Full PDB file with SEQRES, HELIX, SHEET, SSBOND, CRYST1, ORIGX, SCALE, CONECT and MASTER records, all heavy atoms in Angstrom:
SEQRES   1 A   35  VAL GLN LEU SER VAL GLU LYS ALA ARG LEU PHE ARG ASP          
SEQRES   2 A   35  TYR PHE VAL LYS TRP VAL ALA GLY GLU ALA SER VAL ASN          
SEQRES   3 A   35  LEU ILE SER ASP GLN GLY SER GLY GLY                          
HELIX    1 AA1 VAL A    5  VAL A   19  1                                  15    
CRYST1    1.000    1.000    1.000  90.00  90.00  90.00 P 1           1          
ORIGX1      1.000000  0.000000  0.000000        0.00000                         
ORIGX2      0.000000  1.000000  0.000000        0.00000                         
ORIGX3      0.000000  0.000000  1.000000        0.00000                         
SCALE1      1.000000  0.000000  0.000000        0.00000                         
SCALE2      0.000000  1.000000  0.000000        0.00000                         
SCALE3      0.000000  0.000000  1.000000        0.00000                         
ATOM      1  N   VAL A   1       9.315  -5.815  11.470  1.00  0.00           N  
ATOM      2  CA  VAL A   1       7.870  -5.363  11.725  1.00  0.00           C  
ATOM      3  C   VAL A   1       7.013  -6.576  11.622  1.00  0.00           C  
ATOM      4  O   VAL A   1       7.291  -7.449  10.792  1.00  0.00           O  
ATOM      5  CB  VAL A   1       7.412  -4.169  10.811  1.00  0.00           C  
ATOM      6  CG1 VAL A   1       8.140  -2.988  11.181  1.00  0.00           C  
ATOM      7  CG2 VAL A   1       7.534  -4.598   9.413  1.00  0.00           C  
ATOM      8  N   GLN A   2       6.025  -6.681  12.463  1.00  0.00           N  
ATOM      9  CA  GLN A   2       5.072  -7.782  12.422  1.00  0.00           C  
ATOM     10  C   GLN A   2       3.721  -7.222  12.138  1.00  0.00           C  
ATOM     11  O   GLN A   2       3.244  -6.349  12.770  1.00  0.00           O  
ATOM     12  CB  GLN A   2       5.126  -8.461  13.750  1.00  0.00           C  
ATOM     13  CG  GLN A   2       4.442  -9.824  13.758  1.00  0.00           C  
ATOM     14  CD  GLN A   2       4.723 -10.636  14.951  1.00  0.00           C  
ATOM     15  OE1 GLN A   2       5.911 -10.782  15.287  1.00  0.00           O  
ATOM     16  NE2 GLN A   2       3.789 -11.198  15.692  1.00  0.00           N  
ATOM     17  N   LEU A   3       3.161  -7.810  11.025  1.00  0.00           N  
ATOM     18  CA  LEU A   3       1.831  -7.348  10.524  1.00  0.00           C  
ATOM     19  C   LEU A   3       0.720  -8.386  10.961  1.00  0.00           C  
ATOM     20  O   LEU A   3       0.927  -9.575  10.710  1.00  0.00           O  
ATOM     21  CB  LEU A   3       1.834  -7.121   9.043  1.00  0.00           C  
ATOM     22  CG  LEU A   3       2.924  -6.203   8.407  1.00  0.00           C  
ATOM     23  CD1 LEU A   3       2.785  -6.182   6.907  1.00  0.00           C  
ATOM     24  CD2 LEU A   3       2.691  -4.720   8.918  1.00  0.00           C  
ATOM     25  N   SER A   4      -0.368  -7.870  11.342  1.00  0.00           N  
ATOM     26  CA  SER A   4      -1.510  -8.623  11.601  1.00  0.00           C  
ATOM     27  C   SER A   4      -2.022  -9.170  10.272  1.00  0.00           C  
ATOM     28  O   SER A   4      -1.654  -8.673   9.210  1.00  0.00           O  
ATOM     29  CB  SER A   4      -2.580  -7.863  12.285  1.00  0.00           C  
ATOM     30  OG  SER A   4      -3.127  -6.875  11.379  1.00  0.00           O  
ATOM     31  N   VAL A   5      -2.875 -10.149  10.287  1.00  0.00           N  
ATOM     32  CA  VAL A   5      -3.667 -10.674   9.063  1.00  0.00           C  
ATOM     33  C   VAL A   5      -4.210  -9.509   8.284  1.00  0.00           C  
ATOM     34  O   VAL A   5      -4.040  -9.443   7.059  1.00  0.00           O  
ATOM     35  CB  VAL A   5      -4.516 -11.774   9.411  1.00  0.00           C  
ATOM     36  CG1 VAL A   5      -5.323 -12.246   8.184  1.00  0.00           C  
ATOM     37  CG2 VAL A   5      -3.889 -12.960  10.108  1.00  0.00           C  
ATOM     38  N   GLU A   6      -4.887  -8.662   9.088  1.00  0.00           N  
ATOM     39  CA  GLU A   6      -5.637  -7.594   8.423  1.00  0.00           C  
ATOM     40  C   GLU A   6      -4.711  -6.642   7.670  1.00  0.00           C  
ATOM     41  O   GLU A   6      -5.016  -6.292   6.475  1.00  0.00           O  
ATOM     42  CB  GLU A   6      -6.465  -6.765   9.391  1.00  0.00           C  
ATOM     43  CG  GLU A   6      -7.606  -7.693  10.043  1.00  0.00           C  
ATOM     44  CD  GLU A   6      -7.135  -8.623  11.062  1.00  0.00           C  
ATOM     45  OE1 GLU A   6      -6.056  -8.371  11.714  1.00  0.00           O  
ATOM     46  OE2 GLU A   6      -7.807  -9.625  11.425  1.00  0.00           O  
ATOM     47  N   LYS A   7      -3.648  -6.158   8.288  1.00  0.00           N  
ATOM     48  CA  LYS A   7      -2.700  -5.363   7.669  1.00  0.00           C  
ATOM     49  C   LYS A   7      -1.983  -6.034   6.531  1.00  0.00           C  
ATOM     50  O   LYS A   7      -1.663  -5.351   5.505  1.00  0.00           O  
ATOM     51  CB  LYS A   7      -1.669  -4.718   8.699  1.00  0.00           C  
ATOM     52  CG  LYS A   7      -2.370  -3.603   9.476  1.00  0.00           C  
ATOM     53  CD  LYS A   7      -1.337  -2.772  10.230  1.00  0.00           C  
ATOM     54  CE  LYS A   7      -2.110  -1.768  11.074  1.00  0.00           C  
ATOM     55  NZ  LYS A   7      -1.259  -1.110  12.031  1.00  0.00           N  
ATOM     56  N   ALA A   8      -1.607  -7.213   6.663  1.00  0.00           N  
ATOM     57  CA  ALA A   8      -0.955  -7.988   5.536  1.00  0.00           C  
ATOM     58  C   ALA A   8      -1.873  -8.067   4.366  1.00  0.00           C  
ATOM     59  O   ALA A   8      -1.419  -7.864   3.232  1.00  0.00           O  
ATOM     60  CB  ALA A   8      -0.637  -9.452   6.046  1.00  0.00           C  
ATOM     61  N   ARG A   9      -3.128  -8.240   4.555  1.00  0.00           N  
ATOM     62  CA  ARG A   9      -4.097  -8.208   3.549  1.00  0.00           C  
ATOM     63  C   ARG A   9      -4.223  -6.809   2.784  1.00  0.00           C  
ATOM     64  O   ARG A   9      -4.329  -6.705   1.618  1.00  0.00           O  
ATOM     65  CB  ARG A   9      -5.512  -8.671   3.888  1.00  0.00           C  
ATOM     66  CG  ARG A   9      -5.511 -10.087   4.115  1.00  0.00           C  
ATOM     67  CD  ARG A   9      -6.939 -10.523   4.616  1.00  0.00           C  
ATOM     68  NE  ARG A   9      -6.947 -11.982   4.880  1.00  0.00           N  
ATOM     69  CZ  ARG A   9      -7.637 -12.590   5.948  1.00  0.00           C  
ATOM     70  NH1 ARG A   9      -8.347 -11.836   6.749  1.00  0.00           N  
ATOM     71  NH2 ARG A   9      -7.573 -13.850   6.082  1.00  0.00           N  
ATOM     72  N   LEU A  10      -4.167  -5.735   3.627  1.00  0.00           N  
ATOM     73  CA  LEU A  10      -4.222  -4.430   3.125  1.00  0.00           C  
ATOM     74  C   LEU A  10      -3.036  -4.131   2.286  1.00  0.00           C  
ATOM     75  O   LEU A  10      -3.090  -3.583   1.174  1.00  0.00           O  
ATOM     76  CB  LEU A  10      -4.253  -3.364   4.232  1.00  0.00           C  
ATOM     77  CG  LEU A  10      -5.593  -3.241   5.010  1.00  0.00           C  
ATOM     78  CD1 LEU A  10      -5.473  -2.364   6.235  1.00  0.00           C  
ATOM     79  CD2 LEU A  10      -6.679  -2.700   4.112  1.00  0.00           C  
ATOM     80  N   PHE A  11      -1.861  -4.601   2.655  1.00  0.00           N  
ATOM     81  CA  PHE A  11      -0.657  -4.375   1.884  1.00  0.00           C  
ATOM     82  C   PHE A  11      -0.648  -5.183   0.596  1.00  0.00           C  
ATOM     83  O   PHE A  11      -0.401  -4.658  -0.446  1.00  0.00           O  
ATOM     84  CB  PHE A  11       0.570  -4.811   2.759  1.00  0.00           C  
ATOM     85  CG  PHE A  11       1.257  -3.729   3.487  1.00  0.00           C  
ATOM     86  CD1 PHE A  11       0.935  -3.636   4.899  1.00  0.00           C  
ATOM     87  CD2 PHE A  11       2.230  -2.875   2.999  1.00  0.00           C  
ATOM     88  CE1 PHE A  11       1.504  -2.670   5.582  1.00  0.00           C  
ATOM     89  CE2 PHE A  11       2.775  -1.881   3.790  1.00  0.00           C  
ATOM     90  CZ  PHE A  11       2.430  -1.757   5.051  1.00  0.00           C  
ATOM     91  N   ARG A  12      -1.115  -6.371   0.705  1.00  0.00           N  
ATOM     92  CA  ARG A  12      -1.212  -7.296  -0.446  1.00  0.00           C  
ATOM     93  C   ARG A  12      -2.097  -6.628  -1.483  1.00  0.00           C  
ATOM     94  O   ARG A  12      -1.729  -6.470  -2.628  1.00  0.00           O  
ATOM     95  CB  ARG A  12      -1.798  -8.655  -0.078  1.00  0.00           C  
ATOM     96  CG  ARG A  12      -2.080  -9.533  -1.266  1.00  0.00           C  
ATOM     97  CD  ARG A  12      -2.981 -10.724  -0.937  1.00  0.00           C  
ATOM     98  NE  ARG A  12      -4.393 -10.108  -0.607  1.00  0.00           N  
ATOM     99  CZ  ARG A  12      -5.277 -10.768   0.038  1.00  0.00           C  
ATOM    100  NH1 ARG A  12      -5.019 -12.039   0.401  1.00  0.00           N  
ATOM    101  NH2 ARG A  12      -6.484 -10.246   0.257  1.00  0.00           N  
ATOM    102  N   ASP A  13      -3.307  -6.229  -1.070  1.00  0.00           N  
ATOM    103  CA  ASP A  13      -4.272  -5.589  -1.990  1.00  0.00           C  
ATOM    104  C   ASP A  13      -3.689  -4.345  -2.624  1.00  0.00           C  
ATOM    105  O   ASP A  13      -3.904  -4.057  -3.786  1.00  0.00           O  
ATOM    106  CB  ASP A  13      -5.526  -5.311  -1.290  1.00  0.00           C  
ATOM    107  CG  ASP A  13      -6.276  -6.695  -0.842  1.00  0.00           C  
ATOM    108  OD1 ASP A  13      -5.879  -7.767  -1.254  1.00  0.00           O  
ATOM    109  OD2 ASP A  13      -7.255  -6.520  -0.002  1.00  0.00           O  
ATOM    110  N   TYR A  14      -3.029  -3.477  -1.751  1.00  0.00           N  
ATOM    111  CA  TYR A  14      -2.544  -2.208  -2.341  1.00  0.00           C  
ATOM    112  C   TYR A  14      -1.461  -2.513  -3.335  1.00  0.00           C  
ATOM    113  O   TYR A  14      -1.451  -1.960  -4.423  1.00  0.00           O  
ATOM    114  CB  TYR A  14      -2.063  -1.376  -1.142  1.00  0.00           C  
ATOM    115  CG  TYR A  14      -1.333  -0.172  -1.770  1.00  0.00           C  
ATOM    116  CD1 TYR A  14      -2.060   0.875  -2.338  1.00  0.00           C  
ATOM    117  CD2 TYR A  14       0.052  -0.196  -1.910  1.00  0.00           C  
ATOM    118  CE1 TYR A  14      -1.483   1.939  -2.873  1.00  0.00           C  
ATOM    119  CE2 TYR A  14       0.657   0.952  -2.551  1.00  0.00           C  
ATOM    120  CZ  TYR A  14      -0.169   1.996  -2.984  1.00  0.00           C  
ATOM    121  OH  TYR A  14       0.451   3.047  -3.647  1.00  0.00           O  
ATOM    122  N   PHE A  15      -0.468  -3.394  -3.014  1.00  0.00           N  
ATOM    123  CA  PHE A  15       0.648  -3.604  -3.904  1.00  0.00           C  
ATOM    124  C   PHE A  15       0.194  -4.272  -5.219  1.00  0.00           C  
ATOM    125  O   PHE A  15       0.664  -3.972  -6.239  1.00  0.00           O  
ATOM    126  CB  PHE A  15       1.695  -4.455  -3.206  1.00  0.00           C  
ATOM    127  CG  PHE A  15       2.485  -3.729  -2.146  1.00  0.00           C  
ATOM    128  CD1 PHE A  15       2.641  -4.132  -0.922  1.00  0.00           C  
ATOM    129  CD2 PHE A  15       3.063  -2.482  -2.501  1.00  0.00           C  
ATOM    130  CE1 PHE A  15       3.409  -3.463   0.034  1.00  0.00           C  
ATOM    131  CE2 PHE A  15       3.773  -1.730  -1.601  1.00  0.00           C  
ATOM    132  CZ  PHE A  15       3.977  -2.252  -0.272  1.00  0.00           C  
ATOM    133  N   VAL A  16      -0.723  -5.132  -5.168  1.00  0.00           N  
ATOM    134  CA  VAL A  16      -1.299  -5.806  -6.322  1.00  0.00           C  
ATOM    135  C   VAL A  16      -1.892  -4.659  -7.282  1.00  0.00           C  
ATOM    136  O   VAL A  16      -1.634  -4.556  -8.459  1.00  0.00           O  
ATOM    137  CB  VAL A  16      -2.277  -6.947  -6.077  1.00  0.00           C  
ATOM    138  CG1 VAL A  16      -3.106  -7.229  -7.382  1.00  0.00           C  
ATOM    139  CG2 VAL A  16      -1.709  -8.079  -5.449  1.00  0.00           C  
ATOM    140  N   LYS A  17      -2.609  -3.780  -6.673  1.00  0.00           N  
ATOM    141  CA  LYS A  17      -3.277  -2.626  -7.432  1.00  0.00           C  
ATOM    142  C   LYS A  17      -2.243  -1.699  -7.985  1.00  0.00           C  
ATOM    143  O   LYS A  17      -2.239  -1.217  -9.020  1.00  0.00           O  
ATOM    144  CB  LYS A  17      -4.312  -1.926  -6.554  1.00  0.00           C  
ATOM    145  CG  LYS A  17      -5.610  -2.702  -6.412  1.00  0.00           C  
ATOM    146  CD  LYS A  17      -6.493  -1.950  -5.535  1.00  0.00           C  
ATOM    147  CE  LYS A  17      -7.800  -2.836  -5.289  1.00  0.00           C  
ATOM    148  NZ  LYS A  17      -8.806  -2.066  -4.542  1.00  0.00           N  
ATOM    149  N   TRP A  18      -1.241  -1.448  -7.102  1.00  0.00           N  
ATOM    150  CA  TRP A  18      -0.236  -0.503  -7.478  1.00  0.00           C  
ATOM    151  C   TRP A  18       0.675  -1.031  -8.648  1.00  0.00           C  
ATOM    152  O   TRP A  18       0.888  -0.233  -9.617  1.00  0.00           O  
ATOM    153  CB  TRP A  18       0.743  -0.158  -6.225  1.00  0.00           C  
ATOM    154  CG  TRP A  18       1.774   0.823  -6.553  1.00  0.00           C  
ATOM    155  CD1 TRP A  18       1.606   2.230  -6.698  1.00  0.00           C  
ATOM    156  CD2 TRP A  18       3.128   0.619  -6.799  1.00  0.00           C  
ATOM    157  NE1 TRP A  18       2.859   2.775  -6.948  1.00  0.00           N  
ATOM    158  CE2 TRP A  18       3.771   1.832  -7.006  1.00  0.00           C  
ATOM    159  CE3 TRP A  18       3.949  -0.515  -6.779  1.00  0.00           C  
ATOM    160  CZ2 TRP A  18       5.171   2.042  -7.281  1.00  0.00           C  
ATOM    161  CZ3 TRP A  18       5.351  -0.399  -6.996  1.00  0.00           C  
ATOM    162  CH2 TRP A  18       5.923   0.775  -7.219  1.00  0.00           C  
ATOM    163  N   VAL A  19       1.012  -2.251  -8.557  1.00  0.00           N  
ATOM    164  CA  VAL A  19       1.838  -2.870  -9.655  1.00  0.00           C  
ATOM    165  C   VAL A  19       1.038  -2.825 -11.001  1.00  0.00           C  
ATOM    166  O   VAL A  19       1.514  -2.619 -12.063  1.00  0.00           O  
ATOM    167  CB  VAL A  19       2.345  -4.317  -9.320  1.00  0.00           C  
ATOM    168  CG1 VAL A  19       2.759  -5.010 -10.534  1.00  0.00           C  
ATOM    169  CG2 VAL A  19       3.320  -4.215  -8.251  1.00  0.00           C  
ATOM    170  N   ALA A  20      -0.306  -3.109 -10.833  1.00  0.00           N  
ATOM    171  CA  ALA A  20      -1.140  -2.971 -12.007  1.00  0.00           C  
ATOM    172  C   ALA A  20      -1.516  -1.682 -12.467  1.00  0.00           C  
ATOM    173  O   ALA A  20      -2.329  -1.442 -13.485  1.00  0.00           O  
ATOM    174  CB  ALA A  20      -2.460  -3.831 -11.725  1.00  0.00           C  
ATOM    175  N   GLY A  21      -1.080  -0.574 -11.744  1.00  0.00           N  
ATOM    176  CA  GLY A  21      -1.429   0.748 -12.149  1.00  0.00           C  
ATOM    177  C   GLY A  21      -2.810   1.189 -11.746  1.00  0.00           C  
ATOM    178  O   GLY A  21      -3.334   2.116 -12.257  1.00  0.00           O  
ATOM    179  N   GLU A  22      -3.482   0.478 -10.736  1.00  0.00           N  
ATOM    180  CA  GLU A  22      -4.774   0.730 -10.522  1.00  0.00           C  
ATOM    181  C   GLU A  22      -4.953   1.271  -9.036  1.00  0.00           C  
ATOM    182  O   GLU A  22      -6.159   1.462  -8.688  1.00  0.00           O  
ATOM    183  CB  GLU A  22      -5.695  -0.641 -10.559  1.00  0.00           C  
ATOM    184  CG  GLU A  22      -5.500  -1.224 -11.860  1.00  0.00           C  
ATOM    185  CD  GLU A  22      -6.158  -2.685 -11.913  1.00  0.00           C  
ATOM    186  OE1 GLU A  22      -6.523  -3.110 -10.842  1.00  0.00           O  
ATOM    187  OE2 GLU A  22      -6.102  -3.245 -13.029  1.00  0.00           O  
ATOM    188  N   ALA A  23      -3.900   1.539  -8.430  1.00  0.00           N  
ATOM    189  CA  ALA A  23      -4.029   1.941  -6.954  1.00  0.00           C  
ATOM    190  C   ALA A  23      -4.587   3.388  -6.962  1.00  0.00           C  
ATOM    191  O   ALA A  23      -4.174   4.295  -7.696  1.00  0.00           O  
ATOM    192  CB  ALA A  23      -2.599   1.958  -6.357  1.00  0.00           C  
ATOM    193  N   SER A  24      -5.574   3.581  -6.096  1.00  0.00           N  
ATOM    194  CA  SER A  24      -6.161   4.849  -5.968  1.00  0.00           C  
ATOM    195  C   SER A  24      -5.655   5.704  -4.799  1.00  0.00           C  
ATOM    196  O   SER A  24      -5.971   6.896  -4.604  1.00  0.00           O  
ATOM    197  CB  SER A  24      -7.661   4.780  -5.855  1.00  0.00           C  
ATOM    198  OG  SER A  24      -7.990   3.975  -4.623  1.00  0.00           O  
ATOM    199  N   VAL A  25      -4.913   5.027  -3.843  1.00  0.00           N  
ATOM    200  CA  VAL A  25      -4.453   5.722  -2.728  1.00  0.00           C  
ATOM    201  C   VAL A  25      -2.891   5.726  -2.795  1.00  0.00           C  
ATOM    202  O   VAL A  25      -2.222   4.676  -3.048  1.00  0.00           O  
ATOM    203  CB  VAL A  25      -4.807   4.927  -1.430  1.00  0.00           C  
ATOM    204  CG1 VAL A  25      -4.197   5.583  -0.211  1.00  0.00           C  
ATOM    205  CG2 VAL A  25      -6.393   5.004  -1.253  1.00  0.00           C  
ATOM    206  N   ASN A  26      -2.238   6.868  -2.544  1.00  0.00           N  
ATOM    207  CA  ASN A  26      -0.850   6.999  -2.618  1.00  0.00           C  
ATOM    208  C   ASN A  26      -0.198   6.693  -1.251  1.00  0.00           C  
ATOM    209  O   ASN A  26      -0.099   7.492  -0.491  1.00  0.00           O  
ATOM    210  CB  ASN A  26      -0.398   8.429  -3.175  1.00  0.00           C  
ATOM    211  CG  ASN A  26       1.059   8.546  -3.250  1.00  0.00           C  
ATOM    212  OD1 ASN A  26       1.752   7.594  -3.312  1.00  0.00           O  
ATOM    213  ND2 ASN A  26       1.509   9.745  -3.241  1.00  0.00           N  
ATOM    214  N   LEU A  27       0.286   5.414  -1.165  1.00  0.00           N  
ATOM    215  CA  LEU A  27       0.943   5.089   0.115  1.00  0.00           C  
ATOM    216  C   LEU A  27       2.478   5.361  -0.001  1.00  0.00           C  
ATOM    217  O   LEU A  27       3.222   5.330   0.961  1.00  0.00           O  
ATOM    218  CB  LEU A  27       0.744   3.597   0.434  1.00  0.00           C  
ATOM    219  CG  LEU A  27      -0.659   3.149   0.697  1.00  0.00           C  
ATOM    220  CD1 LEU A  27      -0.718   1.675   0.983  1.00  0.00           C  
ATOM    221  CD2 LEU A  27      -1.184   3.892   1.971  1.00  0.00           C  
ATOM    222  N   ILE A  28       2.839   5.545  -1.263  1.00  0.00           N  
ATOM    223  CA  ILE A  28       4.315   5.747  -1.541  1.00  0.00           C  
ATOM    224  C   ILE A  28       4.487   7.145  -1.965  1.00  0.00           C  
ATOM    225  O   ILE A  28       3.937   7.556  -2.978  1.00  0.00           O  
ATOM    226  CB  ILE A  28       4.853   4.719  -2.587  1.00  0.00           C  
ATOM    227  CG1 ILE A  28       4.626   3.351  -2.090  1.00  0.00           C  
ATOM    228  CG2 ILE A  28       6.281   5.082  -2.891  1.00  0.00           C  
ATOM    229  CD1 ILE A  28       4.823   2.268  -3.174  1.00  0.00           C  
ATOM    230  N   SER A  29       5.379   7.872  -1.226  1.00  0.00           N  
ATOM    231  CA  SER A  29       5.547   9.330  -1.498  1.00  0.00           C  
ATOM    232  C   SER A  29       7.050   9.739  -1.233  1.00  0.00           C  
ATOM    233  O   SER A  29       7.562   9.382  -0.256  1.00  0.00           O  
ATOM    234  CB  SER A  29       4.650  10.210  -0.642  1.00  0.00           C  
ATOM    235  OG  SER A  29       4.971  11.483  -0.807  1.00  0.00           O  
ATOM    236  N   ASP A  30       7.551  10.396  -2.213  1.00  0.00           N  
ATOM    237  CA  ASP A  30       8.988  10.987  -1.958  1.00  0.00           C  
ATOM    238  C   ASP A  30       8.873  12.139  -1.021  1.00  0.00           C  
ATOM    239  O   ASP A  30       9.937  12.599  -0.581  1.00  0.00           O  
ATOM    240  CB  ASP A  30       9.518  11.417  -3.377  1.00  0.00           C  
ATOM    241  CG  ASP A  30       9.889  10.336  -4.230  1.00  0.00           C  
ATOM    242  OD1 ASP A  30      10.040   9.190  -3.752  1.00  0.00           O  
ATOM    243  OD2 ASP A  30      10.010  10.487  -5.464  1.00  0.00           O  
ATOM    244  N   GLN A  31       7.770  12.599  -0.651  1.00  0.00           N  
ATOM    245  CA  GLN A  31       7.595  13.742   0.219  1.00  0.00           C  
ATOM    246  C   GLN A  31       7.561  13.274   1.716  1.00  0.00           C  
ATOM    247  O   GLN A  31       7.276  14.138   2.596  1.00  0.00           O  
ATOM    248  CB  GLN A  31       6.344  14.609  -0.122  1.00  0.00           C  
ATOM    249  CG  GLN A  31       6.434  15.093  -1.559  1.00  0.00           C  
ATOM    250  CD  GLN A  31       7.640  15.861  -1.827  1.00  0.00           C  
ATOM    251  OE1 GLN A  31       7.999  16.812  -1.053  1.00  0.00           O  
ATOM    252  NE2 GLN A  31       8.285  15.525  -2.964  1.00  0.00           N  
ATOM    253  N   GLY A  32       7.636  12.084   2.020  1.00  0.00           N  
ATOM    254  CA  GLY A  32       7.581  11.673   3.456  1.00  0.00           C  
ATOM    255  C   GLY A  32       6.183  11.169   3.757  1.00  0.00           C  
ATOM    256  O   GLY A  32       5.763   9.998   3.429  1.00  0.00           O  
ATOM    257  N   SER A  33       5.498  11.998   4.412  1.00  0.00           N  
ATOM    258  CA  SER A  33       4.174  11.515   4.924  1.00  0.00           C  
ATOM    259  C   SER A  33       3.057  11.921   3.990  1.00  0.00           C  
ATOM    260  O   SER A  33       1.817  12.084   4.301  1.00  0.00           O  
ATOM    261  CB  SER A  33       3.883  12.041   6.325  1.00  0.00           C  
ATOM    262  OG  SER A  33       3.903  13.431   6.265  1.00  0.00           O  
ATOM    263  N   GLY A  34       3.332  12.156   2.669  1.00  0.00           N  
ATOM    264  CA  GLY A  34       2.299  12.732   1.826  1.00  0.00           C  
ATOM    265  C   GLY A  34       1.211  11.590   1.372  1.00  0.00           C  
ATOM    266  O   GLY A  34       0.242  12.098   0.946  1.00  0.00           O  
ATOM    267  N   GLY A  35       1.469  10.440   1.704  1.00  0.00           N  
ATOM    268  CA  GLY A  35       0.417   9.417   1.451  1.00  0.00           C  
ATOM    269  C   GLY A  35      -0.383   9.070   2.516  1.00  0.00           C  
ATOM    270  O   GLY A  35      -0.278   9.720   3.578  1.00  0.00           O  
TER     271      GLY A  35                                                      
MASTER        0    0    0    1    0    0    0    6  270    1    0    3          
END                                                                             
């Protein structure tokens, strides 16, 4: 998959927050499209 600069930044920002336990949006879900 090829990500634009904008989407790469969105992923970066989300993953940094998620690892720090600060993510407010659930992009990762065991329910499939729940995020």
